[in-house]
Amino acid sequence: MIGFVIALLASVIAVPILTIFLFSKEKIVWFNRRKTQPFRNPFEYDTPITGYEFIKIAFFLLSGIALLRLLLFLFVLVLGFCLNRVAILGMTDKECMELKEPLPPWRKIFTTYPNGFLSRVLLFLLGYYYIDVEG
């Protein structure tokens, strides 16, 4: 009974403080911490575009490299989709969703092994040239 009363009192005190902290317009600084940098929105692009950057963007778009990468990206996605569809031929939707044991080796040839390579190719086409894998 005493634990219930303590929990009730703690919630009565904590809820208004948390709502003020979460929904207040001004920033609350606890324990006299100084703000060394102003808040920056990580989703805003605030770097100025110089003439060199503009020339690079124009060249990339006008030379067809962007379109080529997009088409290759779509081709690799469709290829991965087709390989995975071949691997599940003959299986019902229920069997696909409720696998109790690993896929047979002939199905792994179409799913597990090429998916790692195709995902690397997709990342390369998106601009991630190499990602180290450890372990």
C-alpha atoms as a PDB file:
ATOM      1  CA  MET A   1       0.000   0.000   0.000  1.00  0.00           C
ATOM      2  CA  ILE A   2       2.815   2.397   0.850  1.00  0.00           C
ATOM      3  CA  GLY A   3       4.553   1.584  -2.458  1.00  0.00           C
ATOM      4  CA  PHE A   4       1.354   2.427  -4.323  1.00  0.00           C
ATOM      5  CA  VAL A   5       1.083   5.800  -2.567  1.00  0.00           C
ATOM      6  CA  ILE A   6       4.726   6.611  -3.286  1.00  0.00           C
ATOM      7  CA  ALA A   7       4.300   5.661  -6.950  1.00  0.00           C
ATOM      8  CA  LEU A   8       1.136   7.783  -7.172  1.00  0.00           C
ATOM      9  CA  LEU A   9       2.863  10.801  -5.636  1.00  0.00           C
ATOM     10  CA  ALA A  10       5.882  10.364  -7.906  1.00  0.00           C
ATOM     11  CA  SER A  11       3.680  10.236 -10.988  1.00  0.00           C
ATOM     12  CA  VAL A  12       1.688  13.274  -9.860  1.00  0.00           C
ATOM     13  CA  ILE A  13       4.932  15.216  -9.490  1.00  0.00           C
ATOM     14  CA  ALA A  14       6.759  13.786 -12.508  1.00  0.00           C
ATOM     15  CA  VAL A  15       4.033  14.114 -15.161  1.00  0.00           C
ATOM     16  CA  PRO A  16       3.744  17.932 -15.071  1.00  0.00           C
ATOM     17  CA  ILE A  17       7.527  18.334 -15.039  1.00  0.00           C
ATOM     18  CA  LEU A  18       7.927  15.990 -18.002  1.00  0.00           C
ATOM     19  CA  THR A  19       5.157  17.701 -19.971  1.00  0.00           C
ATOM     20  CA  ILE A  20       6.743  21.097 -19.378  1.00  0.00           C
ATOM     21  CA  PHE A  21      10.119  19.706 -20.424  1.00  0.00           C
ATOM     22  CA  LEU A  22       8.825  17.974 -23.561  1.00  0.00           C
ATOM     23  CA  PHE A  23       6.361  20.552 -24.848  1.00  0.00           C
ATOM     24  CA  SER A  24       7.881  23.873 -23.828  1.00  0.00           C
ATOM     25  CA  LYS A  25       8.865  26.321 -26.557  1.00  0.00           C
ATOM     26  CA  GLU A  26      12.122  27.419 -24.945  1.00  0.00           C
ATOM     27  CA  LYS A  27      14.987  25.057 -24.311  1.00  0.00           C
ATOM     28  CA  ILE A  28      15.412  24.014 -20.668  1.00  0.00           C
ATOM     29  CA  VAL A  29      19.037  23.765 -19.573  1.00  0.00           C
ATOM     30  CA  TRP A  30      19.559  21.465 -16.598  1.00  0.00           C
ATOM     31  CA  PHE A  31      22.465  21.684 -14.115  1.00  0.00           C
ATOM     32  CA  ASN A  32      23.794  24.999 -15.495  1.00  0.00           C
ATOM     33  CA  ARG A  33      25.249  23.377 -18.597  1.00  0.00           C
ATOM     34  CA  ARG A  34      26.422  25.844 -21.176  1.00  0.00           C
ATOM     35  CA  LYS A  35      25.401  25.377 -24.744  1.00  0.00           C
ATOM     36  CA  THR A  36      28.579  25.370 -26.774  1.00  0.00           C
ATOM     37  CA  GLN A  37      26.868  25.233 -30.153  1.00  0.00           C
ATOM     38  CA  PRO A  38      23.426  26.287 -31.282  1.00  0.00           C
ATOM     39  CA  PHE A  39      20.969  23.570 -32.231  1.00  0.00           C
ATOM     40  CA  ARG A  40      21.359  22.491 -35.861  1.00  0.00           C
ATOM     41  CA  ASN A  41      18.758  20.576 -37.772  1.00  0.00           C
ATOM     42  CA  PRO A  42      20.600  17.627 -39.360  1.00  0.00           C
ATOM     43  CA  PHE A  43      18.057  17.487 -42.194  1.00  0.00           C
ATOM     44  CA  GLU A  44      18.627  21.044 -43.404  1.00  0.00           C
ATOM     45  CA  TYR A  45      21.190  21.753 -46.090  1.00  0.00           C
ATOM     46  CA  ASP A  46      22.902  24.990 -45.185  1.00  0.00           C
ATOM     47  CA  THR A  47      26.165  24.666 -47.124  1.00  0.00           C
ATOM     48  CA  PRO A  48      26.381  27.280 -49.864  1.00  0.00           C
ATOM     49  CA  ILE A  49      26.631  25.996 -53.422  1.00  0.00           C
ATOM     50  CA  THR A  50      29.740  27.436 -55.049  1.00  0.00           C
ATOM     51  CA  GLY A  51      30.328  27.703 -58.769  1.00  0.00           C
ATOM     52  CA  TYR A  52      32.483  24.572 -58.721  1.00  0.00           C
ATOM     53  CA  GLU A  53      29.741  22.566 -57.003  1.00  0.00           C
ATOM     54  CA  PHE A  54      27.181  23.854 -59.500  1.00  0.00           C
ATOM     55  CA  ILE A  55      29.410  22.780 -62.410  1.00  0.00           C
ATOM     56  CA  LYS A  56      29.818  19.313 -60.888  1.00  0.00           C
ATOM     57  CA  ILE A  57      26.048  18.937 -60.436  1.00  0.00           C
ATOM     58  CA  ALA A  58      25.349  20.122 -63.990  1.00  0.00           C
ATOM     59  CA  PHE A  59      27.960  17.767 -65.456  1.00  0.00           C
ATOM     60  CA  PHE A  60      26.624  14.836 -63.460  1.00  0.00           C
ATOM     61  CA  LEU A  61      23.071  15.442 -64.660  1.00  0.00           C
ATOM     62  CA  LEU A  62      23.773  16.407 -68.266  1.00  0.00           C
ATOM     63  CA  SER A  63      26.317  13.669 -68.973  1.00  0.00           C
ATOM     64  CA  GLY A  64      23.795  10.929 -68.239  1.00  0.00           C
ATOM     65  CA  ILE A  65      25.705   9.418 -65.338  1.00  0.00           C
ATOM     66  CA  ALA A  66      22.763   9.979 -62.996  1.00  0.00           C
ATOM     67  CA  LEU A  67      20.345   8.323 -65.413  1.00  0.00           C
ATOM     68  CA  LEU A  68      22.729   5.407 -65.962  1.00  0.00           C
ATOM     69  CA  ARG A  69      23.117   4.837 -62.215  1.00  0.00           C
ATOM     70  CA  LEU A  70      19.343   5.004 -61.763  1.00  0.00           C
ATOM     71  CA  LEU A  71      18.737   2.468 -64.532  1.00  0.00           C
ATOM     72  CA  LEU A  72      21.413   0.127 -63.172  1.00  0.00           C
ATOM     73  CA  PHE A  73      19.921   0.481 -59.694  1.00  0.00           C
ATOM     74  CA  LEU A  74      16.478  -0.511 -60.981  1.00  0.00           C
ATOM     75  CA  PHE A  75      17.962  -3.409 -62.984  1.00  0.00           C
ATOM     76  CA  VAL A  76      19.739  -4.811 -59.917  1.00  0.00           C
ATOM     77  CA  LEU A  77      16.540  -4.474 -57.843  1.00  0.00           C
ATOM     78  CA  VAL A  78      14.515  -6.345 -60.461  1.00  0.00           C
ATOM     79  CA  LEU A  79      17.231  -9.000 -60.743  1.00  0.00           C
ATOM     80  CA  GLY A  80      17.176  -9.557 -56.984  1.00  0.00           C
ATOM     81  CA  PHE A  81      13.392  -9.714 -57.012  1.00  0.00           C
ATOM     82  CA  CYS A  82      13.412 -12.308 -59.799  1.00  0.00           C
ATOM     83  CA  LEU A  83      16.020 -14.477 -58.069  1.00  0.00           C
ATOM     84  CA  ASN A  84      14.015 -14.428 -54.839  1.00  0.00           C
ATOM     85  CA  ARG A  85      10.813 -15.267 -56.695  1.00  0.00           C
ATOM     86  CA  VAL A  86      12.509 -18.275 -58.319  1.00  0.00           C
ATOM     87  CA  ALA A  87      13.635 -19.427 -54.885  1.00  0.00           C
ATOM     88  CA  ILE A  88      10.095 -19.496 -53.514  1.00  0.00           C
ATOM     89  CA  LEU A  89       8.457 -21.132 -56.540  1.00  0.00           C
ATOM     90  CA  GLY A  90       6.117 -23.892 -55.430  1.00  0.00           C
ATOM     91  CA  MET A  91       5.709 -22.530 -51.893  1.00  0.00           C
ATOM     92  CA  THR A  92       2.441 -21.112 -50.673  1.00  0.00           C
ATOM     93  CA  ASP A  93       2.240 -17.789 -48.869  1.00  0.00           C
ATOM     94  CA  LYS A  94       1.685 -19.595 -45.586  1.00  0.00           C
ATOM     95  CA  GLU A  95       4.787 -21.744 -46.083  1.00  0.00           C
ATOM     96  CA  CYS A  96       6.868 -18.650 -46.875  1.00  0.00           C
ATOM     97  CA  MET A  97       5.728 -16.820 -43.748  1.00  0.00           C
ATOM     98  CA  GLU A  98       5.963 -19.736 -41.318  1.00  0.00           C
ATOM     99  CA  LEU A  99       9.286 -21.409 -42.101  1.00  0.00           C
ATOM    100  CA  LYS A 100      10.174 -23.911 -39.401  1.00  0.00           C
ATOM    101  CA  GLU A 101      13.497 -25.007 -40.890  1.00  0.00           C
ATOM    102  CA  PRO A 102      16.139 -23.399 -43.118  1.00  0.00           C
ATOM    103  CA  LEU A 103      15.674 -23.256 -46.857  1.00  0.00           C
ATOM    104  CA  PRO A 104      17.016 -26.224 -48.825  1.00  0.00           C
ATOM    105  CA  PRO A 105      20.424 -25.711 -50.491  1.00  0.00           C
ATOM    106  CA  TRP A 106      18.980 -25.308 -53.980  1.00  0.00           C
ATOM    107  CA  ARG A 107      16.836 -22.402 -52.750  1.00  0.00           C
ATOM    108  CA  LYS A 108      19.802 -20.776 -50.992  1.00  0.00           C
ATOM    109  CA  ILE A 109      21.593 -20.616 -54.327  1.00  0.00           C
ATOM    110  CA  PHE A 110      18.964 -18.103 -55.461  1.00  0.00           C
ATOM    111  CA  THR A 111      18.538 -16.134 -52.225  1.00  0.00           C
ATOM    112  CA  THR A 112      21.268 -16.097 -49.610  1.00  0.00           C
ATOM    113  CA  TYR A 113      24.362 -16.078 -51.778  1.00  0.00           C
ATOM    114  CA  PRO A 114      23.443 -13.492 -54.460  1.00  0.00           C
ATOM    115  CA  ASN A 115      21.684 -11.119 -52.054  1.00  0.00           C
ATOM    116  CA  GLY A 116      24.943 -10.136 -50.351  1.00  0.00           C
ATOM    117  CA  PHE A 117      26.573  -9.333 -53.680  1.00  0.00           C
ATOM    118  CA  LEU A 118      23.531  -7.503 -55.040  1.00  0.00           C
ATOM    119  CA  SER A 119      23.218  -5.388 -51.912  1.00  0.00           C
ATOM    120  CA  ARG A 120      26.889  -4.358 -52.306  1.00  0.00           C
ATOM    121  CA  VAL A 121      26.188  -3.402 -55.917  1.00  0.00           C
ATOM    122  CA  LEU A 122      23.152  -1.352 -54.861  1.00  0.00           C
ATOM    123  CA  LEU A 123      25.182   0.490 -52.232  1.00  0.00           C
ATOM    124  CA  PHE A 124      27.913   1.137 -54.806  1.00  0.00           C
ATOM    125  CA  LEU A 125      25.347   2.627 -57.184  1.00  0.00           C
ATOM    126  CA  LEU A 126      24.079   4.850 -54.376  1.00  0.00           C
ATOM    127  CA  GLY A 127      27.582   6.187 -53.749  1.00  0.00           C
ATOM    128  CA  TYR A 128      28.827   4.034 -50.874  1.00  0.00           C
ATOM    129  CA  TYR A 129      31.940   2.696 -52.516  1.00  0.00           C
ATOM    130  CA  TYR A 130      33.163   0.313 -49.836  1.00  0.00           C
ATOM    131  CA  ILE A 131      31.999  -0.672 -46.375  1.00  0.00           C
ATOM    132  CA  ASP A 132      34.310  -2.745 -44.172  1.00  0.00           C
ATOM    133  CA  VAL A 133      32.746  -5.853 -42.654  1.00  0.00           C
ATOM    134  CA  GLU A 134      34.424  -7.159 -39.543  1.00  0.00           C
ATOM    135  CA  GLY A 135      33.599 -10.347 -37.707  1.00  0.00           C
END
